[in-house]
Amino acid sequence: LTLNALSAAGEVFIPLQPHFLALHGMGKLLETTALVSKR
């Protein structure tokens, strides 16, 4: 479902709560956008 959104989107907004646990996983999220952008 999220891949469909990324494939159809021109851009991404990431809502984030400013504490360290919320930052956990950002790398995986950004990695996914890079793969969608590349492929």
PDB file of all heavy atoms in Angstrom:
ATOM      1  N   LEU A   1       0.827  -1.196   0.000  1.00  0.00           N
ATOM      2  CA  LEU A   1       0.000   0.000   0.000  1.00  0.00           C
ATOM      3  C   LEU A   1       0.869   1.256   0.000  1.00  0.00           C
ATOM      4  O   LEU A   1       0.618   2.198  -0.756  1.00  0.00           O
ATOM      5  CB  LEU A   1      -0.923  -0.003   1.218  1.00  0.00           C
ATOM      6  CG  LEU A   1      -1.921  -1.159   1.311  1.00  0.00           C
ATOM      7  CD1 LEU A   1      -2.721  -1.076   2.603  1.00  0.00           C
ATOM      8  CD2 LEU A   1      -2.863  -1.162   0.107  1.00  0.00           C
ATOM      9  N   THR A   2       1.894   1.280   0.836  1.00  0.00           N
ATOM     10  CA  THR A   2       2.782   2.430   0.885  1.00  0.00           C
ATOM     11  C   THR A   2       3.610   2.536  -0.389  1.00  0.00           C
ATOM     12  O   THR A   2       3.857   3.646  -0.888  1.00  0.00           O
ATOM     13  CB  THR A   2       3.702   2.348   2.112  1.00  0.00           C
ATOM     14  OG1 THR A   2       2.886   2.359   3.293  1.00  0.00           O
ATOM     15  CG2 THR A   2       4.662   3.520   2.170  1.00  0.00           C
ATOM     16  N   LEU A   3       4.027   1.410  -0.962  1.00  0.00           N
ATOM     17  CA  LEU A   3       4.757   1.441  -2.227  1.00  0.00           C
ATOM     18  C   LEU A   3       3.909   2.043  -3.340  1.00  0.00           C
ATOM     19  O   LEU A   3       4.414   2.774  -4.197  1.00  0.00           O
ATOM     20  CB  LEU A   3       5.217   0.035  -2.615  1.00  0.00           C
ATOM     21  CG  LEU A   3       6.379  -0.545  -1.801  1.00  0.00           C
ATOM     22  CD1 LEU A   3       6.675  -1.969  -2.243  1.00  0.00           C
ATOM     23  CD2 LEU A   3       7.622   0.329  -1.945  1.00  0.00           C
ATOM     24  N   ASN A   4       2.607   1.737  -3.350  1.00  0.00           N
ATOM     25  CA  ASN A   4       1.718   2.348  -4.331  1.00  0.00           C
ATOM     26  C   ASN A   4       1.684   3.861  -4.166  1.00  0.00           C
ATOM     27  O   ASN A   4       1.695   4.606  -5.153  1.00  0.00           O
ATOM     28  CB  ASN A   4       0.311   1.766  -4.207  1.00  0.00           C
ATOM     29  CG  ASN A   4       0.060   0.636  -5.179  1.00  0.00           C
ATOM     30  OD1 ASN A   4      -0.381   0.841  -6.308  1.00  0.00           O
ATOM     31  ND2 ASN A   4       0.366  -0.581  -4.746  1.00  0.00           N
ATOM     32  N   ALA A   5       1.636   4.321  -2.931  1.00  0.00           N
ATOM     33  CA  ALA A   5       1.631   5.756  -2.687  1.00  0.00           C
ATOM     34  C   ALA A   5       2.936   6.396  -3.162  1.00  0.00           C
ATOM     35  O   ALA A   5       2.931   7.443  -3.821  1.00  0.00           O
ATOM     36  CB  ALA A   5       1.410   6.038  -1.206  1.00  0.00           C
ATOM     37  N   LEU A   6       4.065   5.780  -2.846  1.00  0.00           N
ATOM     38  CA  LEU A   6       5.358   6.325  -3.250  1.00  0.00           C
ATOM     39  C   LEU A   6       5.531   6.319  -4.767  1.00  0.00           C
ATOM     40  O   LEU A   6       6.157   7.217  -5.330  1.00  0.00           O
ATOM     41  CB  LEU A   6       6.492   5.536  -2.590  1.00  0.00           C
ATOM     42  CG  LEU A   6       6.608   5.666  -1.071  1.00  0.00           C
ATOM     43  CD1 LEU A   6       7.683   4.734  -0.533  1.00  0.00           C
ATOM     44  CD2 LEU A   6       6.901   7.108  -0.675  1.00  0.00           C
ATOM     45  N   SER A   7       4.964   5.326  -5.426  1.00  0.00           N
ATOM     46  CA  SER A   7       5.042   5.253  -6.882  1.00  0.00           C
ATOM     47  C   SER A   7       4.203   6.332  -7.548  1.00  0.00           C
ATOM     48  O   SER A   7       4.529   6.817  -8.632  1.00  0.00           O
ATOM     49  CB  SER A   7       4.587   3.874  -7.375  1.00  0.00           C
ATOM     50  OG  SER A   7       5.410   2.855  -6.849  1.00  0.00           O
ATOM     51  N   ALA A   8       3.097   6.717  -6.892  1.00  0.00           N
ATOM     52  CA  ALA A   8       2.185   7.707  -7.462  1.00  0.00           C
ATOM     53  C   ALA A   8       2.532   9.131  -7.050  1.00  0.00           C
ATOM     54  O   ALA A   8       2.066  10.088  -7.668  1.00  0.00           O
ATOM     55  CB  ALA A   8       0.755   7.389  -7.036  1.00  0.00           C
ATOM     56  N   ALA A   9       3.335   9.285  -6.011  1.00  0.00           N
ATOM     57  CA  ALA A   9       3.605  10.609  -5.446  1.00  0.00           C
ATOM     58  C   ALA A   9       4.725  11.325  -6.184  1.00  0.00           C
ATOM     59  O   ALA A   9       5.584  10.712  -6.824  1.00  0.00           O
ATOM     60  CB  ALA A   9       3.960  10.478  -3.965  1.00  0.00           C
ATOM     61  N   GLY A  10       4.719  12.644  -6.043  1.00  0.00           N
ATOM     62  CA  GLY A  10       5.853  13.428  -6.500  1.00  0.00           C
ATOM     63  C   GLY A  10       6.795  13.740  -5.356  1.00  0.00           C
ATOM     64  O   GLY A  10       7.972  14.007  -5.566  1.00  0.00           O
ATOM     65  N   GLU A  11       6.239  13.706  -4.143  1.00  0.00           N
ATOM     66  CA  GLU A  11       7.054  14.047  -2.986  1.00  0.00           C
ATOM     67  C   GLU A  11       6.521  13.367  -1.733  1.00  0.00           C
ATOM     68  O   GLU A  11       5.404  12.836  -1.725  1.00  0.00           O
ATOM     69  CB  GLU A  11       7.091  15.570  -2.785  1.00  0.00           C
ATOM     70  CG  GLU A  11       5.729  16.211  -2.668  1.00  0.00           C
ATOM     71  CD  GLU A  11       5.788  17.727  -2.692  1.00  0.00           C
ATOM     72  OE1 GLU A  11       6.433  18.297  -1.779  1.00  0.00           O
ATOM     73  OE2 GLU A  11       5.197  18.328  -3.596  1.00  0.00           O
ATOM     74  N   VAL A  12       7.327  13.415  -0.689  1.00  0.00           N
ATOM     75  CA  VAL A  12       7.012  12.765   0.576  1.00  0.00           C
ATOM     76  C   VAL A  12       7.129  13.778   1.703  1.00  0.00           C
ATOM     77  O   VAL A  12       8.097  14.545   1.764  1.00  0.00           O
ATOM     78  CB  VAL A  12       7.981  11.588   0.839  1.00  0.00           C
ATOM     79  CG1 VAL A  12       7.808  11.034   2.246  1.00  0.00           C
ATOM     80  CG2 VAL A  12       7.777  10.485  -0.193  1.00  0.00           C
ATOM     81  N   PHE A  13       6.142  13.783   2.578  1.00  0.00           N
ATOM     82  CA  PHE A  13       6.232  14.472   3.861  1.00  0.00           C
ATOM     83  C   PHE A  13       6.345  13.404   4.944  1.00  0.00           C
ATOM     84  O   PHE A  13       5.607  12.420   4.924  1.00  0.00           O
ATOM     85  CB  PHE A  13       4.993  15.317   4.143  1.00  0.00           C
ATOM     86  CG  PHE A  13       4.956  16.655   3.456  1.00  0.00           C
ATOM     87  CD1 PHE A  13       5.933  17.039   2.553  1.00  0.00           C
ATOM     88  CD2 PHE A  13       3.926  17.545   3.719  1.00  0.00           C
ATOM     89  CE1 PHE A  13       5.890  18.267   1.917  1.00  0.00           C
ATOM     90  CE2 PHE A  13       3.866  18.782   3.100  1.00  0.00           C
ATOM     91  CZ  PHE A  13       4.854  19.147   2.193  1.00  0.00           C
ATOM     92  N   ILE A  14       7.245  13.609   5.895  1.00  0.00           N
ATOM     93  CA  ILE A  14       7.417  12.682   7.007  1.00  0.00           C
ATOM     94  C   ILE A  14       7.061  13.394   8.308  1.00  0.00           C
ATOM     95  O   ILE A  14       7.809  14.269   8.765  1.00  0.00           O
ATOM     96  CB  ILE A  14       8.855  12.148   7.083  1.00  0.00           C
ATOM     97  CG1 ILE A  14       9.246  11.460   5.773  1.00  0.00           C
ATOM     98  CG2 ILE A  14       9.006  11.191   8.258  1.00  0.00           C
ATOM     99  CD1 ILE A  14      10.693  11.000   5.719  1.00  0.00           C
ATOM    100  N   PRO A  15       5.906  13.089   8.907  1.00  0.00           N
ATOM    101  CA  PRO A  15       5.601  13.632  10.240  1.00  0.00           C
ATOM    102  C   PRO A  15       6.485  12.931  11.271  1.00  0.00           C
ATOM    103  O   PRO A  15       6.676  11.715  11.212  1.00  0.00           O
ATOM    104  CB  PRO A  15       4.124  13.286  10.445  1.00  0.00           C
ATOM    105  CG  PRO A  15       3.624  12.847   9.109  1.00  0.00           C
ATOM    106  CD  PRO A  15       4.809  12.280   8.396  1.00  0.00           C
ATOM    107  N   LEU A  16       6.999  13.691  12.203  1.00  0.00           N
ATOM    108  CA  LEU A  16       7.956  13.124  13.148  1.00  0.00           C
ATOM    109  C   LEU A  16       7.759  13.756  14.511  1.00  0.00           C
ATOM    110  O   LEU A  16       7.644  14.977  14.632  1.00  0.00           O
ATOM    111  CB  LEU A  16       9.380  13.385  12.655  1.00  0.00           C
ATOM    112  CG  LEU A  16      10.499  12.554  13.276  1.00  0.00           C
ATOM    113  CD1 LEU A  16      10.393  11.105  12.846  1.00  0.00           C
ATOM    114  CD2 LEU A  16      11.845  13.132  12.876  1.00  0.00           C
ATOM    115  N   GLN A  17       7.708  12.913  15.524  1.00  0.00           N
ATOM    116  CA  GLN A  17       7.670  13.401  16.894  1.00  0.00           C
ATOM    117  C   GLN A  17       9.114  13.551  17.369  1.00  0.00           C
ATOM    118  O   GLN A  17       9.931  12.632  17.195  1.00  0.00           O
ATOM    119  CB  GLN A  17       6.900  12.415  17.772  1.00  0.00           C
ATOM    120  CG  GLN A  17       6.501  12.969  19.120  1.00  0.00           C
ATOM    121  CD  GLN A  17       5.620  12.003  19.891  1.00  0.00           C
ATOM    122  OE1 GLN A  17       5.197  10.979  19.362  1.00  0.00           O
ATOM    123  NE2 GLN A  17       5.354  12.322  21.148  1.00  0.00           N
ATOM    124  N   PRO A  18       9.489  14.695  17.935  1.00  0.00           N
ATOM    125  CA  PRO A  18      10.902  14.946  18.223  1.00  0.00           C
ATOM    126  C   PRO A  18      11.412  14.256  19.477  1.00  0.00           C
ATOM    127  O   PRO A  18      11.699  14.898  20.492  1.00  0.00           O
ATOM    128  CB  PRO A  18      10.952  16.472  18.362  1.00  0.00           C
ATOM    129  CG  PRO A  18       9.613  16.834  18.879  1.00  0.00           C
ATOM    130  CD  PRO A  18       8.659  15.866  18.237  1.00  0.00           C
ATOM    131  N   HIS A  19      11.502  12.929  19.426  1.00  0.00           N
ATOM    132  CA  HIS A  19      12.259  12.216  20.454  1.00  0.00           C
ATOM    133  C   HIS A  19      13.022  11.095  19.772  1.00  0.00           C
ATOM    134  O   HIS A  19      12.742  10.727  18.628  1.00  0.00           O
ATOM    135  CB  HIS A  19      11.360  11.712  21.588  1.00  0.00           C
ATOM    136  CG  HIS A  19      10.263  10.788  21.164  1.00  0.00           C
ATOM    137  ND1 HIS A  19      10.485   9.539  20.657  1.00  0.00           N
ATOM    138  CD2 HIS A  19       8.915  10.952  21.185  1.00  0.00           C
ATOM    139  CE1 HIS A  19       9.340   8.940  20.395  1.00  0.00           C
ATOM    140  NE2 HIS A  19       8.366   9.782  20.689  1.00  0.00           N
ATOM    141  N   PHE A  20      13.992  10.526  20.441  1.00  0.00           N
ATOM    142  CA  PHE A  20      14.937   9.633  19.780  1.00  0.00           C
ATOM    143  C   PHE A  20      14.281   8.354  19.270  1.00  0.00           C
ATOM    144  O   PHE A  20      14.682   7.818  18.236  1.00  0.00           O
ATOM    145  CB  PHE A  20      16.101   9.316  20.726  1.00  0.00           C
ATOM    146  CG  PHE A  20      17.014  10.486  20.932  1.00  0.00           C
ATOM    147  CD1 PHE A  20      17.101  11.108  22.160  1.00  0.00           C
ATOM    148  CD2 PHE A  20      17.773  10.992  19.892  1.00  0.00           C
ATOM    149  CE1 PHE A  20      17.933  12.203  22.356  1.00  0.00           C
ATOM    150  CE2 PHE A  20      18.599  12.083  20.069  1.00  0.00           C
ATOM    151  CZ  PHE A  20      18.684  12.693  21.305  1.00  0.00           C
ATOM    152  N   LEU A  21      13.275   7.840  19.960  1.00  0.00           N
ATOM    153  CA  LEU A  21      12.607   6.647  19.473  1.00  0.00           C
ATOM    154  C   LEU A  21      11.894   6.906  18.150  1.00  0.00           C
ATOM    155  O   LEU A  21      11.789   6.027  17.301  1.00  0.00           O
ATOM    156  CB  LEU A  21      11.609   6.134  20.519  1.00  0.00           C
ATOM    157  CG  LEU A  21      12.226   5.470  21.751  1.00  0.00           C
ATOM    158  CD1 LEU A  21      11.123   5.042  22.719  1.00  0.00           C
ATOM    159  CD2 LEU A  21      13.080   4.268  21.355  1.00  0.00           C
ATOM    160  N   ALA A  22      11.393   8.132  17.965  1.00  0.00           N
ATOM    161  CA  ALA A  22      10.716   8.469  16.711  1.00  0.00           C
ATOM    162  C   ALA A  22      11.710   8.513  15.558  1.00  0.00           C
ATOM    163  O   ALA A  22      11.349   8.270  14.405  1.00  0.00           O
ATOM    164  CB  ALA A  22      10.003   9.810  16.846  1.00  0.00           C
ATOM    165  N   LEU A  23      12.978   8.838  15.872  1.00  0.00           N
ATOM    166  CA  LEU A  23      14.002   8.845  14.829  1.00  0.00           C
ATOM    167  C   LEU A  23      14.411   7.437  14.420  1.00  0.00           C
ATOM    168  O   LEU A  23      14.916   7.221  13.318  1.00  0.00           O
ATOM    169  CB  LEU A  23      15.241   9.601  15.313  1.00  0.00           C
ATOM    170  CG  LEU A  23      15.123  11.125  15.403  1.00  0.00           C
ATOM    171  CD1 LEU A  23      16.383  11.706  16.022  1.00  0.00           C
ATOM    172  CD2 LEU A  23      14.866  11.723  14.041  1.00  0.00           C
ATOM    173  N   HIS A  24      14.168   6.475  15.320  1.00  0.00           N
ATOM    174  CA  HIS A  24      14.533   5.091  15.029  1.00  0.00           C
ATOM    175  C   HIS A  24      13.706   4.595  13.837  1.00  0.00           C
ATOM    176  O   HIS A  24      12.492   4.697  13.822  1.00  0.00           O
ATOM    177  CB  HIS A  24      14.265   4.212  16.252  1.00  0.00           C
ATOM    178  CG  HIS A  24      14.711   2.793  16.060  1.00  0.00           C
ATOM    179  ND1 HIS A  24      16.029   2.434  16.013  1.00  0.00           N
ATOM    180  CD2 HIS A  24      14.003   1.645  15.894  1.00  0.00           C
ATOM    181  CE1 HIS A  24      16.125   1.136  15.833  1.00  0.00           C
ATOM    182  NE2 HIS A  24      14.908   0.636  15.763  1.00  0.00           N
ATOM    183  N   GLY A  25      14.340   4.079  12.850  1.00  0.00           N
ATOM    184  CA  GLY A  25      13.635   3.604  11.665  1.00  0.00           C
ATOM    185  C   GLY A  25      13.625   4.594  10.516  1.00  0.00           C
ATOM    186  O   GLY A  25      13.199   4.255   9.409  1.00  0.00           O
ATOM    187  N   MET A  26      14.075   5.841  10.763  1.00  0.00           N
ATOM    188  CA  MET A  26      14.126   6.822   9.681  1.00  0.00           C
ATOM    189  C   MET A  26      15.006   6.347   8.541  1.00  0.00           C
ATOM    190  O   MET A  26      14.719   6.568   7.364  1.00  0.00           O
ATOM    191  CB  MET A  26      14.649   8.158  10.215  1.00  0.00           C
ATOM    192  CG  MET A  26      13.595   9.100  10.733  1.00  0.00           C
ATOM    193  SD  MET A  26      12.712   9.982   9.438  1.00  0.00           S
ATOM    194  CE  MET A  26      13.981  11.145   8.916  1.00  0.00           C
ATOM    195  N   GLY A  27      16.100   5.666   8.903  1.00  0.00           N
ATOM    196  CA  GLY A  27      17.010   5.171   7.871  1.00  0.00           C
ATOM    197  C   GLY A  27      16.332   4.197   6.928  1.00  0.00           C
ATOM    198  O   GLY A  27      16.509   4.257   5.705  1.00  0.00           O
ATOM    199  N   LYS A  28      15.529   3.281   7.493  1.00  0.00           N
ATOM    200  CA  LYS A  28      14.812   2.318   6.671  1.00  0.00           C
ATOM    201  C   LYS A  28      13.786   3.002   5.784  1.00  0.00           C
ATOM    202  O   LYS A  28      13.613   2.652   4.611  1.00  0.00           O
ATOM    203  CB  LYS A  28      14.116   1.295   7.578  1.00  0.00           C
ATOM    204  CG  LYS A  28      13.365   0.198   6.837  1.00  0.00           C
ATOM    205  CD  LYS A  28      14.301  -0.672   6.027  1.00  0.00           C
ATOM    206  CE  LYS A  28      13.564  -1.827   5.364  1.00  0.00           C
ATOM    207  NZ  LYS A  28      14.446  -2.652   4.516  1.00  0.00           N
ATOM    208  N   LEU A  29      13.108   3.991   6.319  1.00  0.00           N
ATOM    209  CA  LEU A  29      12.117   4.739   5.558  1.00  0.00           C
ATOM    210  C   LEU A  29      12.772   5.468   4.387  1.00  0.00           C
ATOM    211  O   LEU A  29      12.292   5.397   3.242  1.00  0.00           O
ATOM    212  CB  LEU A  29      11.425   5.744   6.482  1.00  0.00           C
ATOM    213  CG  LEU A  29      10.408   6.695   5.867  1.00  0.00           C
ATOM    214  CD1 LEU A  29       9.318   5.935   5.151  1.00  0.00           C
ATOM    215  CD2 LEU A  29       9.820   7.595   6.928  1.00  0.00           C
ATOM    216  N   LEU A  30      13.887   6.131   4.646  1.00  0.00           N
ATOM    217  CA  LEU A  30      14.579   6.852   3.583  1.00  0.00           C
ATOM    218  C   LEU A  30      15.180   5.889   2.569  1.00  0.00           C
ATOM    219  O   LEU A  30      15.204   6.168   1.367  1.00  0.00           O
ATOM    220  CB  LEU A  30      15.658   7.754   4.177  1.00  0.00           C
ATOM    221  CG  LEU A  30      15.129   8.915   5.034  1.00  0.00           C
ATOM    222  CD1 LEU A  30      16.289   9.675   5.672  1.00  0.00           C
ATOM    223  CD2 LEU A  30      14.262   9.854   4.223  1.00  0.00           C
ATOM    224  N   GLU A  31      15.643   4.747   3.043  1.00  0.00           N
ATOM    225  CA  GLU A  31      16.168   3.719   2.137  1.00  0.00           C
ATOM    226  C   GLU A  31      15.078   3.245   1.177  1.00  0.00           C
ATOM    227  O   GLU A  31      15.327   3.033  -0.016  1.00  0.00           O
ATOM    228  CB  GLU A  31      16.706   2.539   2.945  1.00  0.00           C
ATOM    229  CG  GLU A  31      17.257   1.392   2.105  1.00  0.00           C
ATOM    230  CD  GLU A  31      17.680   0.215   2.969  1.00  0.00           C
ATOM    231  OE1 GLU A  31      18.117   0.431   4.115  1.00  0.00           O
ATOM    232  OE2 GLU A  31      17.544  -0.931   2.500  1.00  0.00           O
ATOM    233  N   THR A  32      13.855   3.103   1.685  1.00  0.00           N
ATOM    234  CA  THR A  32      12.741   2.690   0.835  1.00  0.00           C
ATOM    235  C   THR A  32      12.459   3.735  -0.235  1.00  0.00           C
ATOM    236  O   THR A  32      12.227   3.395  -1.407  1.00  0.00           O
ATOM    237  CB  THR A  32      11.481   2.450   1.683  1.00  0.00           C
ATOM    238  OG1 THR A  32      11.750   1.415   2.628  1.00  0.00           O
ATOM    239  CG2 THR A  32      10.307   2.033   0.809  1.00  0.00           C
ATOM    240  N   THR A  33      12.475   5.021   0.137  1.00  0.00           N
ATOM    241  CA  THR A  33      12.241   6.059  -0.871  1.00  0.00           C
ATOM    242  C   THR A  33      13.340   6.047  -1.930  1.00  0.00           C
ATOM    243  O   THR A  33      13.073   6.292  -3.113  1.00  0.00           O
ATOM    244  CB  THR A  33      12.165   7.460  -0.229  1.00  0.00           C
ATOM    245  OG1 THR A  33      13.419   7.803   0.365  1.00  0.00           O
ATOM    246  CG2 THR A  33      11.068   7.514   0.826  1.00  0.00           C
ATOM    247  N   ALA A  34      14.567   5.742  -1.519  1.00  0.00           N
ATOM    248  CA  ALA A  34      15.662   5.684  -2.492  1.00  0.00           C
ATOM    249  C   ALA A  34      15.459   4.541  -3.480  1.00  0.00           C
ATOM    250  O   ALA A  34      15.696   4.695  -4.690  1.00  0.00           O
ATOM    251  CB  ALA A  34      16.999   5.532  -1.760  1.00  0.00           C
ATOM    252  N   LEU A  35      15.003   3.384  -2.989  1.00  0.00           N
ATOM    253  CA  LEU A  35      14.759   2.250  -3.875  1.00  0.00           C
ATOM    254  C   LEU A  35      13.621   2.541  -4.849  1.00  0.00           C
ATOM    255  O   LEU A  35      13.715   2.214  -6.040  1.00  0.00           O
ATOM    256  CB  LEU A  35      14.444   0.999  -3.048  1.00  0.00           C
ATOM    257  CG  LEU A  35      15.621   0.370  -2.303  1.00  0.00           C
ATOM    258  CD1 LEU A  35      15.128  -0.741  -1.373  1.00  0.00           C
ATOM    259  CD2 LEU A  35      16.639  -0.178  -3.290  1.00  0.00           C
ATOM    260  N   VAL A  36      12.553   3.155  -4.348  1.00  0.00           N
ATOM    261  CA  VAL A  36      11.431   3.491  -5.228  1.00  0.00           C
ATOM    262  C   VAL A  36      11.869   4.509  -6.273  1.00  0.00           C
ATOM    263  O   VAL A  36      11.513   4.414  -7.451  1.00  0.00           O
ATOM    264  CB  VAL A  36      10.242   4.030  -4.403  1.00  0.00           C
ATOM    265  CG1 VAL A  36       9.141   4.554  -5.316  1.00  0.00           C
ATOM    266  CG2 VAL A  36       9.687   2.929  -3.505  1.00  0.00           C
ATOM    267  N   SER A  37      12.664   5.494  -5.844  1.00  0.00           N
ATOM    268  CA  SER A  37      13.156   6.502  -6.769  1.00  0.00           C
ATOM    269  C   SER A  37      14.030   5.888  -7.856  1.00  0.00           C
ATOM    270  O   SER A  37      13.964   6.266  -9.030  1.00  0.00           O
ATOM    271  CB  SER A  37      13.946   7.564  -5.999  1.00  0.00           C
ATOM    272  OG  SER A  37      14.534   8.496  -6.869  1.00  0.00           O
ATOM    273  N   LYS A  38      14.831   4.911  -7.475  1.00  0.00           N
ATOM    274  CA  LYS A  38      15.756   4.288  -8.430  1.00  0.00           C
ATOM    275  C   LYS A  38      15.046   3.350  -9.398  1.00  0.00           C
ATOM    276  O   LYS A  38      15.371   3.316 -10.588  1.00  0.00           O
ATOM    277  CB  LYS A  38      16.827   3.514  -7.645  1.00  0.00           C
ATOM    278  CG  LYS A  38      17.846   2.813  -8.522  1.00  0.00           C
ATOM    279  CD  LYS A  38      18.886   2.088  -7.670  1.00  0.00           C
ATOM    280  CE  LYS A  38      19.904   1.369  -8.541  1.00  0.00           C
ATOM    281  NZ  LYS A  38      20.914   0.648  -7.704  1.00  0.00           N
ATOM    282  N   ARG A  39      14.035   2.618  -8.922  1.00  0.00           N
ATOM    283  CA  ARG A  39      13.463   1.547  -9.727  1.00  0.00           C
ATOM    284  C   ARG A  39      12.096   1.847 -10.330  1.00  0.00           C
ATOM    285  O   ARG A  39      11.726   1.266 -11.351  1.00  0.00           O
ATOM    286  CB  ARG A  39      13.356   0.281  -8.876  1.00  0.00           C
ATOM    287  CG  ARG A  39      14.697  -0.212  -8.370  1.00  0.00           C
ATOM    288  CD  ARG A  39      14.550  -1.430  -7.484  1.00  0.00           C
ATOM    289  NE  ARG A  39      15.834  -1.895  -6.975  1.00  0.00           N
ATOM    290  CZ  ARG A  39      15.991  -2.904  -6.124  1.00  0.00           C
ATOM    291  NH1 ARG A  39      14.922  -3.560  -5.673  1.00  0.00           N
ATOM    292  NH2 ARG A  39      17.197  -3.269  -5.719  1.00  0.00           N
TER     293      ARG A  39
END
